[in-house]
Amino acid sequence: MYAFAFNLWDIGLWLAVSSIILLITSELLAPYYGRMKMVMDVKRLRIVAVGSGLAFLVIAAIRISAIIG
């Protein structure tokens, strides 16, 4: 049986891409673009996007400190 070989950097890259996609989606669903009939909570979507972006920055800082130290 094979296992996926994920390390911390792969998860960080996934978080970065997810954050960018979520931020773009939240901006496209903003009320000033005329998308008032969407059921999604745009504020919560932005909070999740910023949180995943911050998680990526933490992982990148860990990686940089491991390279330097």
PDB file of N, CA and C in Angstrom:
ATOM      1  N   MET A   1       0.847  -1.175   0.000  1.00  0.00           N
ATOM      2  CA  MET A   1       0.000   0.000   0.000  1.00  0.00           C
ATOM      3  C   MET A   1       0.891   1.237   0.000  1.00  0.00           C
ATOM      4  N   TYR A   2       0.558   2.173  -0.868  1.00  0.00           N
ATOM      5  CA  TYR A   2       1.366   3.373  -0.997  1.00  0.00           C
ATOM      6  C   TYR A   2       0.777   4.508  -0.177  1.00  0.00           C
ATOM      7  N   ALA A   3       1.647   5.328   0.326  1.00  0.00           N
ATOM      8  CA  ALA A   3       1.229   6.503   1.086  1.00  0.00           C
ATOM      9  C   ALA A   3       1.707   7.756   0.342  1.00  0.00           C
ATOM     10  N   PHE A   4       0.941   8.797   0.462  1.00  0.00           N
ATOM     11  CA  PHE A   4       1.343  10.057  -0.151  1.00  0.00           C
ATOM     12  C   PHE A   4       2.458  10.673   0.666  1.00  0.00           C
ATOM     13  N   ALA A   5       3.442  11.163  -0.026  1.00  0.00           N
ATOM     14  CA  ALA A   5       4.586  11.777   0.649  1.00  0.00           C
ATOM     15  C   ALA A   5       4.379  13.290   0.700  1.00  0.00           C
ATOM     16  N   PHE A   6       3.723  13.745   1.752  1.00  0.00           N
ATOM     17  CA  PHE A   6       3.523  15.176   1.958  1.00  0.00           C
ATOM     18  C   PHE A   6       4.483  15.647   3.030  1.00  0.00           C
ATOM     19  N   ASN A   7       5.056  16.800   2.806  1.00  0.00           N
ATOM     20  CA  ASN A   7       5.820  17.423   3.873  1.00  0.00           C
ATOM     21  C   ASN A   7       5.190  18.791   4.164  1.00  0.00           C
ATOM     22  N   LEU A   8       5.769  19.491   5.080  1.00  0.00           N
ATOM     23  CA  LEU A   8       5.202  20.766   5.517  1.00  0.00           C
ATOM     24  C   LEU A   8       5.179  21.793   4.391  1.00  0.00           C
ATOM     25  N   TRP A   9       6.177  21.770   3.530  1.00  0.00           N
ATOM     26  CA  TRP A   9       6.244  22.737   2.445  1.00  0.00           C
ATOM     27  C   TRP A   9       5.131  22.498   1.422  1.00  0.00           C
ATOM     28  N   ASP A  10       4.796  21.250   1.144  1.00  0.00           N
ATOM     29  CA  ASP A  10       3.697  20.949   0.223  1.00  0.00           C
ATOM     30  C   ASP A  10       2.366  21.462   0.763  1.00  0.00           C
ATOM     31  N   ILE A  11       2.151  21.299   2.039  1.00  0.00           N
ATOM     32  CA  ILE A  11       0.926  21.800   2.661  1.00  0.00           C
ATOM     33  C   ILE A  11       0.894  23.325   2.613  1.00  0.00           C
ATOM     34  N   GLY A  12       2.042  23.960   2.795  1.00  0.00           N
ATOM     35  CA  GLY A  12       2.117  25.415   2.714  1.00  0.00           C
ATOM     36  C   GLY A  12       1.787  25.928   1.320  1.00  0.00           C
ATOM     37  N   LEU A  13       2.287  25.256   0.304  1.00  0.00           N
ATOM     38  CA  LEU A  13       1.963  25.666  -1.063  1.00  0.00           C
ATOM     39  C   LEU A  13       0.481  25.471  -1.358  1.00  0.00           C
ATOM     40  N   TRP A  14      -0.092  24.390  -0.848  1.00  0.00           N
ATOM     41  CA  TRP A  14      -1.523  24.165  -1.020  1.00  0.00           C
ATOM     42  C   TRP A  14      -2.328  25.269  -0.331  1.00  0.00           C
ATOM     43  N   LEU A  15      -1.881  25.680   0.845  1.00  0.00           N
ATOM     44  CA  LEU A  15      -2.562  26.765   1.561  1.00  0.00           C
ATOM     45  C   LEU A  15      -2.462  28.082   0.798  1.00  0.00           C
ATOM     46  N   ALA A  16      -1.311  28.348   0.194  1.00  0.00           N
ATOM     47  CA  ALA A  16      -1.137  29.587  -0.559  1.00  0.00           C
ATOM     48  C   ALA A  16      -2.074  29.629  -1.761  1.00  0.00           C
ATOM     49  N   VAL A  17      -2.146  28.541  -2.505  1.00  0.00           N
ATOM     50  CA  VAL A  17      -3.024  28.497  -3.675  1.00  0.00           C
ATOM     51  C   VAL A  17      -4.486  28.597  -3.246  1.00  0.00           C
ATOM     52  N   SER A  18      -4.848  27.904  -2.186  1.00  0.00           N
ATOM     53  CA  SER A  18      -6.225  27.963  -1.690  1.00  0.00           C
ATOM     54  C   SER A  18      -6.585  29.364  -1.240  1.00  0.00           C
ATOM     55  N   SER A  19      -5.666  30.025  -0.585  1.00  0.00           N
ATOM     56  CA  SER A  19      -5.914  31.387  -0.119  1.00  0.00           C
ATOM     57  C   SER A  19      -6.146  32.336  -1.283  1.00  0.00           C
ATOM     58  N   ILE A  20      -5.352  32.218  -2.322  1.00  0.00           N
ATOM     59  CA  ILE A  20      -5.524  33.084  -3.489  1.00  0.00           C
ATOM     60  C   ILE A  20      -6.870  32.833  -4.158  1.00  0.00           C
ATOM     61  N   ILE A  21      -7.232  31.570  -4.298  1.00  0.00           N
ATOM     62  CA  ILE A  21      -8.523  31.234  -4.919  1.00  0.00           C
ATOM     63  C   ILE A  21      -9.680  31.762  -4.073  1.00  0.00           C
ATOM     64  N   LEU A  22      -9.593  31.609  -2.765  1.00  0.00           N
ATOM     65  CA  LEU A  22     -10.665  32.091  -1.893  1.00  0.00           C
ATOM     66  C   LEU A  22     -10.778  33.609  -1.910  1.00  0.00           C
ATOM     67  N   LEU A  23      -9.651  34.307  -1.955  1.00  0.00           N
ATOM     68  CA  LEU A  23      -9.703  35.774  -2.017  1.00  0.00           C
ATOM     69  C   LEU A  23     -10.302  36.257  -3.333  1.00  0.00           C
ATOM     70  N   ILE A  24      -9.946  35.615  -4.423  1.00  0.00           N
ATOM     71  CA  ILE A  24     -10.537  35.990  -5.714  1.00  0.00           C
ATOM     72  C   ILE A  24     -12.036  35.727  -5.699  1.00  0.00           C
ATOM     73  N   THR A  25     -12.442  34.583  -5.150  1.00  0.00           N
ATOM     74  CA  THR A  25     -13.861  34.254  -5.082  1.00  0.00           C
ATOM     75  C   THR A  25     -14.618  35.251  -4.219  1.00  0.00           C
ATOM     76  N   SER A  26     -14.038  35.632  -3.092  1.00  0.00           N
ATOM     77  CA  SER A  26     -14.733  36.582  -2.216  1.00  0.00           C
ATOM     78  C   SER A  26     -14.868  37.952  -2.868  1.00  0.00           C
ATOM     79  N   GLU A  27     -13.891  38.336  -3.671  1.00  0.00           N
ATOM     80  CA  GLU A  27     -13.996  39.617  -4.364  1.00  0.00           C
ATOM     81  C   GLU A  27     -15.013  39.565  -5.493  1.00  0.00           C
ATOM     82  N   LEU A  28     -15.108  38.422  -6.166  1.00  0.00           N
ATOM     83  CA  LEU A  28     -16.088  38.310  -7.246  1.00  0.00           C
ATOM     84  C   LEU A  28     -17.513  38.223  -6.715  1.00  0.00           C
ATOM     85  N   LEU A  29     -17.678  37.761  -5.481  1.00  0.00           N
ATOM     86  CA  LEU A  29     -19.003  37.670  -4.879  1.00  0.00           C
ATOM     87  C   LEU A  29     -19.370  38.908  -4.074  1.00  0.00           C
ATOM     88  N   ALA A  30     -18.532  39.921  -4.118  1.00  0.00           N
ATOM     89  CA  ALA A  30     -18.792  41.147  -3.360  1.00  0.00           C
ATOM     90  C   ALA A  30     -20.081  41.802  -3.855  1.00  0.00           C
ATOM     91  N   PRO A  31     -20.793  42.483  -2.971  1.00  0.00           N
ATOM     92  CA  PRO A  31     -22.091  43.065  -3.344  1.00  0.00           C
ATOM     93  C   PRO A  31     -22.005  44.133  -4.428  1.00  0.00           C
ATOM     94  N   TYR A  32     -20.881  44.823  -4.562  1.00  0.00           N
ATOM     95  CA  TYR A  32     -20.825  45.873  -5.567  1.00  0.00           C
ATOM     96  C   TYR A  32     -20.615  45.330  -6.972  1.00  0.00           C
ATOM     97  N   TYR A  33     -20.495  44.013  -7.134  1.00  0.00           N
ATOM     98  CA  TYR A  33     -20.471  43.404  -8.462  1.00  0.00           C
ATOM     99  C   TYR A  33     -21.844  42.892  -8.864  1.00  0.00           C
ATOM    100  N   GLY A  34     -22.854  43.108  -8.042  1.00  0.00           N
ATOM    101  CA  GLY A  34     -24.207  42.724  -8.383  1.00  0.00           C
ATOM    102  C   GLY A  34     -24.568  41.289  -8.048  1.00  0.00           C
ATOM    103  N   ARG A  35     -23.766  40.614  -7.263  1.00  0.00           N
ATOM    104  CA  ARG A  35     -24.034  39.224  -6.905  1.00  0.00           C
ATOM    105  C   ARG A  35     -24.720  39.160  -5.541  1.00  0.00           C
ATOM    106  N   MET A  36     -25.855  39.782  -5.426  1.00  0.00           N
ATOM    107  CA  MET A  36     -26.558  39.852  -4.145  1.00  0.00           C
ATOM    108  C   MET A  36     -27.339  38.582  -3.830  1.00  0.00           C
ATOM    109  N   LYS A  37     -27.578  37.704  -4.807  1.00  0.00           N
ATOM    110  CA  LYS A  37     -28.410  36.534  -4.592  1.00  0.00           C
ATOM    111  C   LYS A  37     -27.617  35.303  -4.157  1.00  0.00           C
ATOM    112  N   MET A  38     -26.328  35.448  -3.932  1.00  0.00           N
ATOM    113  CA  MET A  38     -25.513  34.306  -3.516  1.00  0.00           C
ATOM    114  C   MET A  38     -25.759  34.007  -2.041  1.00  0.00           C
ATOM    115  N   VAL A  39     -25.748  32.736  -1.698  1.00  0.00           N
ATOM    116  CA  VAL A  39     -26.041  32.309  -0.341  1.00  0.00           C
ATOM    117  C   VAL A  39     -24.794  32.340   0.539  1.00  0.00           C
ATOM    118  N   MET A  40     -23.618  32.384  -0.078  1.00  0.00           N
ATOM    119  CA  MET A  40     -22.366  32.321   0.679  1.00  0.00           C
ATOM    120  C   MET A  40     -22.145  33.580   1.509  1.00  0.00           C
ATOM    121  N   ASP A  41     -21.535  33.397   2.652  1.00  0.00           N
ATOM    122  CA  ASP A  41     -21.186  34.518   3.518  1.00  0.00           C
ATOM    123  C   ASP A  41     -19.794  35.015   3.106  1.00  0.00           C
ATOM    124  N   VAL A  42     -19.743  36.176   2.459  1.00  0.00           N
ATOM    125  CA  VAL A  42     -18.500  36.692   1.899  1.00  0.00           C
ATOM    126  C   VAL A  42     -17.514  37.038   3.005  1.00  0.00           C
ATOM    127  N   LYS A  43     -17.991  37.562   4.129  1.00  0.00           N
ATOM    128  CA  LYS A  43     -17.110  37.938   5.227  1.00  0.00           C
ATOM    129  C   LYS A  43     -16.398  36.706   5.796  1.00  0.00           C
ATOM    130  N   ARG A  44     -17.143  35.626   5.965  1.00  0.00           N
ATOM    131  CA  ARG A  44     -16.540  34.393   6.479  1.00  0.00           C
ATOM    132  C   ARG A  44     -15.550  33.806   5.470  1.00  0.00           C
ATOM    133  N   LEU A  45     -15.861  33.926   4.185  1.00  0.00           N
ATOM    134  CA  LEU A  45     -14.960  33.444   3.147  1.00  0.00           C
ATOM    135  C   LEU A  45     -13.645  34.216   3.174  1.00  0.00           C
ATOM    136  N   ARG A  46     -13.726  35.520   3.379  1.00  0.00           N
ATOM    137  CA  ARG A  46     -12.501  36.323   3.466  1.00  0.00           C
ATOM    138  C   ARG A  46     -11.696  35.977   4.712  1.00  0.00           C
ATOM    139  N   ILE A  47     -12.367  35.714   5.816  1.00  0.00           N
ATOM    140  CA  ILE A  47     -11.657  35.345   7.048  1.00  0.00           C
ATOM    141  C   ILE A  47     -10.903  34.036   6.861  1.00  0.00           C
ATOM    142  N   VAL A  48     -11.542  33.075   6.216  1.00  0.00           N
ATOM    143  CA  VAL A  48     -10.880  31.791   5.947  1.00  0.00           C
ATOM    144  C   VAL A  48      -9.705  31.987   4.995  1.00  0.00           C
ATOM    145  N   ALA A  49      -9.871  32.834   3.987  1.00  0.00           N
ATOM    146  CA  ALA A  49      -8.794  33.093   3.028  1.00  0.00           C
ATOM    147  C   ALA A  49      -7.601  33.756   3.712  1.00  0.00           C
ATOM    148  N   VAL A  50      -7.857  34.742   4.534  1.00  0.00           N
ATOM    149  CA  VAL A  50      -6.756  35.414   5.242  1.00  0.00           C
ATOM    150  C   VAL A  50      -6.094  34.457   6.241  1.00  0.00           C
ATOM    151  N   GLY A  51      -6.892  33.629   6.889  1.00  0.00           N
ATOM    152  CA  GLY A  51      -6.329  32.646   7.825  1.00  0.00           C
ATOM    153  C   GLY A  51      -5.430  31.641   7.138  1.00  0.00           C
ATOM    154  N   SER A  52      -5.840  31.158   5.974  1.00  0.00           N
ATOM    155  CA  SER A  52      -4.982  30.213   5.260  1.00  0.00           C
ATOM    156  C   SER A  52      -3.740  30.910   4.713  1.00  0.00           C
ATOM    157  N   GLY A  53      -3.861  32.174   4.355  1.00  0.00           N
ATOM    158  CA  GLY A  53      -2.682  32.934   3.941  1.00  0.00           C
ATOM    159  C   GLY A  53      -1.697  33.125   5.078  1.00  0.00           C
ATOM    160  N   LEU A  54      -2.221  33.399   6.267  1.00  0.00           N
ATOM    161  CA  LEU A  54      -1.343  33.538   7.433  1.00  0.00           C
ATOM    162  C   LEU A  54      -0.688  32.206   7.799  1.00  0.00           C
ATOM    163  N   ALA A  55      -1.429  31.112   7.655  1.00  0.00           N
ATOM    164  CA  ALA A  55      -0.844  29.794   7.916  1.00  0.00           C
ATOM    165  C   ALA A  55       0.289  29.514   6.934  1.00  0.00           C
ATOM    166  N   PHE A  56       0.116  29.902   5.668  1.00  0.00           N
ATOM    167  CA  PHE A  56       1.199  29.752   4.700  1.00  0.00           C
ATOM    168  C   PHE A  56       2.408  30.584   5.103  1.00  0.00           C
ATOM    169  N   LEU A  57       2.190  31.813   5.552  1.00  0.00           N
ATOM    170  CA  LEU A  57       3.319  32.654   5.959  1.00  0.00           C
ATOM    171  C   LEU A  57       4.066  32.059   7.150  1.00  0.00           C
ATOM    172  N   VAL A  58       3.337  31.439   8.076  1.00  0.00           N
ATOM    173  CA  VAL A  58       3.985  30.788   9.217  1.00  0.00           C
ATOM    174  C   VAL A  58       4.831  29.612   8.738  1.00  0.00           C
ATOM    175  N   ILE A  59       4.290  28.822   7.819  1.00  0.00           N
ATOM    176  CA  ILE A  59       5.046  27.686   7.292  1.00  0.00           C
ATOM    177  C   ILE A  59       6.270  28.162   6.512  1.00  0.00           C
ATOM    178  N   ALA A  60       6.126  29.246   5.762  1.00  0.00           N
ATOM    179  CA  ALA A  60       7.268  29.797   5.030  1.00  0.00           C
ATOM    180  C   ALA A  60       8.332  30.321   5.988  1.00  0.00           C
ATOM    181  N   ALA A  61       7.902  30.944   7.094  1.00  0.00           N
ATOM    182  CA  ALA A  61       8.874  31.427   8.084  1.00  0.00           C
ATOM    183  C   ALA A  61       9.610  30.259   8.733  1.00  0.00           C
ATOM    184  N   ILE A  62       8.902  29.175   9.006  1.00  0.00           N
ATOM    185  CA  ILE A  62       9.550  27.984   9.567  1.00  0.00           C
ATOM    186  C   ILE A  62      10.575  27.431   8.579  1.00  0.00           C
ATOM    187  N   ARG A  63      10.198  27.397   7.305  1.00  0.00           N
ATOM    188  CA  ARG A  63      11.113  26.870   6.282  1.00  0.00           C
ATOM    189  C   ARG A  63      12.344  27.758   6.156  1.00  0.00           C
ATOM    190  N   ILE A  64      12.165  29.070   6.172  1.00  0.00           N
ATOM    191  CA  ILE A  64      13.291  29.991   6.063  1.00  0.00           C
ATOM    192  C   ILE A  64      14.207  29.870   7.270  1.00  0.00           C
ATOM    193  N   SER A  65      13.624  29.757   8.462  1.00  0.00           N
ATOM    194  CA  SER A  65      14.454  29.604   9.657  1.00  0.00           C
ATOM    195  C   SER A  65      15.209  28.266   9.654  1.00  0.00           C
ATOM    196  N   ALA A  66      14.625  27.232   9.063  1.00  0.00           N
ATOM    197  CA  ALA A  66      15.327  25.955   8.965  1.00  0.00           C
ATOM    198  C   ALA A  66      16.482  26.030   7.980  1.00  0.00           C
ATOM    199  N   ILE A  67      16.286  26.816   6.912  1.00  0.00           N
ATOM    200  CA  ILE A  67      17.375  26.962   5.934  1.00  0.00           C
ATOM    201  C   ILE A  67      18.514  27.791   6.514  1.00  0.00           C
ATOM    202  N   ILE A  68      18.186  28.857   7.220  1.00  0.00           N
ATOM    203  CA  ILE A  68      19.220  29.729   7.796  1.00  0.00           C
ATOM    204  C   ILE A  68      19.931  29.046   8.952  1.00  0.00           C
ATOM    205  N   GLY A  69      19.178  28.420   9.825  1.00  0.00           N
ATOM    206  CA  GLY A  69      19.761  27.841  11.038  1.00  0.00           C
ATOM    207  C   GLY A  69      20.157  26.470  10.848  1.00  0.00           C
TER     208      GLY A  69
END
